[in-house]
Amino acid sequence: MYSTTPISMVKGNLVTLQTTNPRHLGHDAMPSADLPKSFGQLLFDSINEVSDHQNEASRLSVEAIINPDSVAPHDVTIAMAKANMSLSIAKNVMDRVIQGYKDITNLR
């Protein structure tokens, strides 16, 4: 009633699928640069971004101590707030990913 797949296409547990959308698996029309990133790659990119924020805050703090006239105090404060917030968000995301994994393994 809801399916648009003809019964003749269904054979056992295999169904022939038509790739009508360029994002479908096996569709060669979309270049690989435009493919969406995997969850793992997004996670690693986010961790690298958190690391960059931490390094920038550390660099500005050291620069403010060594040469106070070269760095404005509010720049150091903003960099530290960004680093703190990005670390907090990353920690929360990782905690939720781990909790989700535990929930999935407990469903077995």
C-alpha atoms as a PDB file:
ATOM      1  CA  MET A   1       0.000   0.000   0.000  1.00  0.00           C
ATOM      2  CA  TYR A   2       2.829   2.465   0.891  1.00  0.00           C
ATOM      3  CA  SER A   3       5.585   0.936  -1.225  1.00  0.00           C
ATOM      4  CA  THR A   4       6.264   2.145  -4.746  1.00  0.00           C
ATOM      5  CA  THR A   5       8.568  -0.808  -5.477  1.00  0.00           C
ATOM      6  CA  PRO A   6       6.968  -3.318  -7.852  1.00  0.00           C
ATOM      7  CA  ILE A   7       6.644  -6.818  -6.429  1.00  0.00           C
ATOM      8  CA  SER A   8       8.584  -8.230  -9.412  1.00  0.00           C
ATOM      9  CA  MET A   9      11.763  -6.436  -8.201  1.00  0.00           C
ATOM     10  CA  VAL A  10      11.734  -8.156  -4.804  1.00  0.00           C
ATOM     11  CA  LYS A  11      13.621 -11.469  -4.732  1.00  0.00           C
ATOM     12  CA  GLY A  12      14.094 -13.054  -1.317  1.00  0.00           C
ATOM     13  CA  ASN A  13      15.861 -10.612   0.977  1.00  0.00           C
ATOM     14  CA  LEU A  14      17.489  -8.689  -1.910  1.00  0.00           C
ATOM     15  CA  VAL A  15      15.864  -5.659  -3.477  1.00  0.00           C
ATOM     16  CA  THR A  16      17.195  -3.914  -6.551  1.00  0.00           C
ATOM     17  CA  LEU A  17      17.582  -0.229  -5.745  1.00  0.00           C
ATOM     18  CA  GLN A  18      17.675   2.566  -8.223  1.00  0.00           C
ATOM     19  CA  THR A  19      20.114   5.417  -7.618  1.00  0.00           C
ATOM     20  CA  THR A  20      18.112   8.513  -8.427  1.00  0.00           C
ATOM     21  CA  ASN A  21      19.876  10.842  -6.026  1.00  0.00           C
ATOM     22  CA  PRO A  22      23.563  11.756  -6.559  1.00  0.00           C
ATOM     23  CA  ARG A  23      24.201  11.117  -2.844  1.00  0.00           C
ATOM     24  CA  HIS A  24      23.199   7.458  -3.160  1.00  0.00           C
ATOM     25  CA  LEU A  25      25.891   4.859  -2.657  1.00  0.00           C
ATOM     26  CA  GLY A  26      27.390   3.789  -5.967  1.00  0.00           C
ATOM     27  CA  HIS A  27      26.244   6.862  -7.889  1.00  0.00           C
ATOM     28  CA  ASP A  28      29.256   8.212  -9.776  1.00  0.00           C
ATOM     29  CA  ALA A  29      27.878  11.617 -10.775  1.00  0.00           C
ATOM     30  CA  MET A  30      29.055  13.350  -7.602  1.00  0.00           C
ATOM     31  CA  PRO A  31      32.788  14.093  -7.278  1.00  0.00           C
ATOM     32  CA  SER A  32      34.451  12.722  -4.147  1.00  0.00           C
ATOM     33  CA  ALA A  33      35.273  16.233  -2.856  1.00  0.00           C
ATOM     34  CA  ASP A  34      31.557  17.001  -2.477  1.00  0.00           C
ATOM     35  CA  LEU A  35      30.738  13.836  -0.534  1.00  0.00           C
ATOM     36  CA  PRO A  36      29.624  14.416   3.030  1.00  0.00           C
ATOM     37  CA  LYS A  37      32.182  13.525   5.670  1.00  0.00           C
ATOM     38  CA  SER A  38      31.727  10.482   7.839  1.00  0.00           C
ATOM     39  CA  PHE A  39      30.872  10.840  11.520  1.00  0.00           C
ATOM     40  CA  GLY A  40      34.359   9.687  12.473  1.00  0.00           C
ATOM     41  CA  GLN A  41      35.997  12.257  10.215  1.00  0.00           C
ATOM     42  CA  LEU A  42      33.785  15.025  11.620  1.00  0.00           C
ATOM     43  CA  LEU A  43      34.716  13.909  15.130  1.00  0.00           C
ATOM     44  CA  PHE A  44      38.453  13.986  14.378  1.00  0.00           C
ATOM     45  CA  ASP A  45      38.140  17.384  12.664  1.00  0.00           C
ATOM     46  CA  SER A  46      36.320  18.727  15.720  1.00  0.00           C
ATOM     47  CA  ILE A  47      39.008  17.387  18.059  1.00  0.00           C
ATOM     48  CA  ASN A  48      41.674  19.065  15.913  1.00  0.00           C
ATOM     49  CA  GLU A  49      39.719  22.321  16.089  1.00  0.00           C
ATOM     50  CA  VAL A  50      39.526  22.062  19.891  1.00  0.00           C
ATOM     51  CA  SER A  51      43.276  21.473  19.945  1.00  0.00           C
ATOM     52  CA  ASP A  52      43.823  24.541  17.757  1.00  0.00           C
ATOM     53  CA  HIS A  53      41.736  26.666  20.161  1.00  0.00           C
ATOM     54  CA  GLN A  54      43.750  25.363  23.124  1.00  0.00           C
ATOM     55  CA  ASN A  55      47.055  26.062  21.365  1.00  0.00           C
ATOM     56  CA  GLU A  56      45.964  29.575  20.378  1.00  0.00           C
ATOM     57  CA  ALA A  57      44.931  30.394  23.959  1.00  0.00           C
ATOM     58  CA  SER A  58      48.227  29.044  25.252  1.00  0.00           C
ATOM     59  CA  ARG A  59      50.216  30.987  22.663  1.00  0.00           C
ATOM     60  CA  LEU A  60      48.411  34.240  23.476  1.00  0.00           C
ATOM     61  CA  SER A  61      48.881  33.688  27.227  1.00  0.00           C
ATOM     62  CA  VAL A  62      52.618  33.168  26.816  1.00  0.00           C
ATOM     63  CA  GLU A  63      52.843  36.166  24.479  1.00  0.00           C
ATOM     64  CA  ALA A  64      50.991  38.323  27.036  1.00  0.00           C
ATOM     65  CA  ILE A  65      53.502  37.315  29.721  1.00  0.00           C
ATOM     66  CA  ILE A  66      56.604  37.741  27.560  1.00  0.00           C
ATOM     67  CA  ASN A  67      55.557  40.918  25.754  1.00  0.00           C
ATOM     68  CA  PRO A  68      52.442  42.458  27.363  1.00  0.00           C
ATOM     69  CA  ASP A  69      52.268  45.343  24.881  1.00  0.00           C
ATOM     70  CA  SER A  70      51.884  43.043  21.864  1.00  0.00           C
ATOM     71  CA  VAL A  71      48.642  41.372  22.985  1.00  0.00           C
ATOM     72  CA  ALA A  72      45.477  43.004  24.247  1.00  0.00           C
ATOM     73  CA  PRO A  73      44.109  41.473  27.462  1.00  0.00           C
ATOM     74  CA  HIS A  74      40.653  40.993  25.982  1.00  0.00           C
ATOM     75  CA  ASP A  75      42.156  38.916  23.131  1.00  0.00           C
ATOM     76  CA  VAL A  76      43.663  36.544  25.688  1.00  0.00           C
ATOM     77  CA  THR A  77      40.356  36.378  27.566  1.00  0.00           C
ATOM     78  CA  ILE A  78      38.387  35.672  24.382  1.00  0.00           C
ATOM     79  CA  ALA A  79      40.852  32.985  23.266  1.00  0.00           C
ATOM     80  CA  MET A  80      40.671  31.310  26.683  1.00  0.00           C
ATOM     81  CA  ALA A  81      36.868  31.439  26.665  1.00  0.00           C
ATOM     82  CA  LYS A  82      36.793  29.891  23.172  1.00  0.00           C
ATOM     83  CA  ALA A  83      39.205  27.165  24.265  1.00  0.00           C
ATOM     84  CA  ASN A  84      37.193  26.465  27.415  1.00  0.00           C
ATOM     85  CA  MET A  85      33.869  26.361  25.577  1.00  0.00           C
ATOM     86  CA  SER A  86      35.130  24.177  22.735  1.00  0.00           C
ATOM     87  CA  LEU A  87      36.674  21.741  25.229  1.00  0.00           C
ATOM     88  CA  SER A  88      33.447  21.626  27.222  1.00  0.00           C
ATOM     89  CA  ILE A  89      31.366  20.962  24.097  1.00  0.00           C
ATOM     90  CA  ALA A  90      33.801  18.285  22.913  1.00  0.00           C
ATOM     91  CA  LYS A  91      33.674  16.608  26.318  1.00  0.00           C
ATOM     92  CA  ASN A  92      29.864  16.584  26.276  1.00  0.00           C
ATOM     93  CA  VAL A  93      29.760  15.175  22.737  1.00  0.00           C
ATOM     94  CA  MET A  94      32.262  12.454  23.602  1.00  0.00           C
ATOM     95  CA  ASP A  95      30.308  11.561  26.751  1.00  0.00           C
ATOM     96  CA  ARG A  96      27.119  11.241  24.691  1.00  0.00           C
ATOM     97  CA  VAL A  97      28.835   9.152  22.015  1.00  0.00           C
ATOM     98  CA  ILE A  98      30.198   6.808  24.670  1.00  0.00           C
ATOM     99  CA  GLN A  99      26.812   6.633  26.388  1.00  0.00           C
ATOM    100  CA  GLY A 100      25.139   5.894  23.042  1.00  0.00           C
ATOM    101  CA  TYR A 101      27.644   3.121  22.358  1.00  0.00           C
ATOM    102  CA  LYS A 102      27.005   1.643  25.804  1.00  0.00           C
ATOM    103  CA  ASP A 103      23.247   1.817  25.213  1.00  0.00           C
ATOM    104  CA  ILE A 104      23.584   0.050  21.882  1.00  0.00           C
ATOM    105  CA  THR A 105      25.787  -2.706  23.333  1.00  0.00           C
ATOM    106  CA  ASN A 106      23.359  -3.187  26.222  1.00  0.00           C
ATOM    107  CA  LEU A 107      20.459  -3.738  23.790  1.00  0.00           C
ATOM    108  CA  ARG A 108      21.894  -7.077  22.663  1.00  0.00           C
END
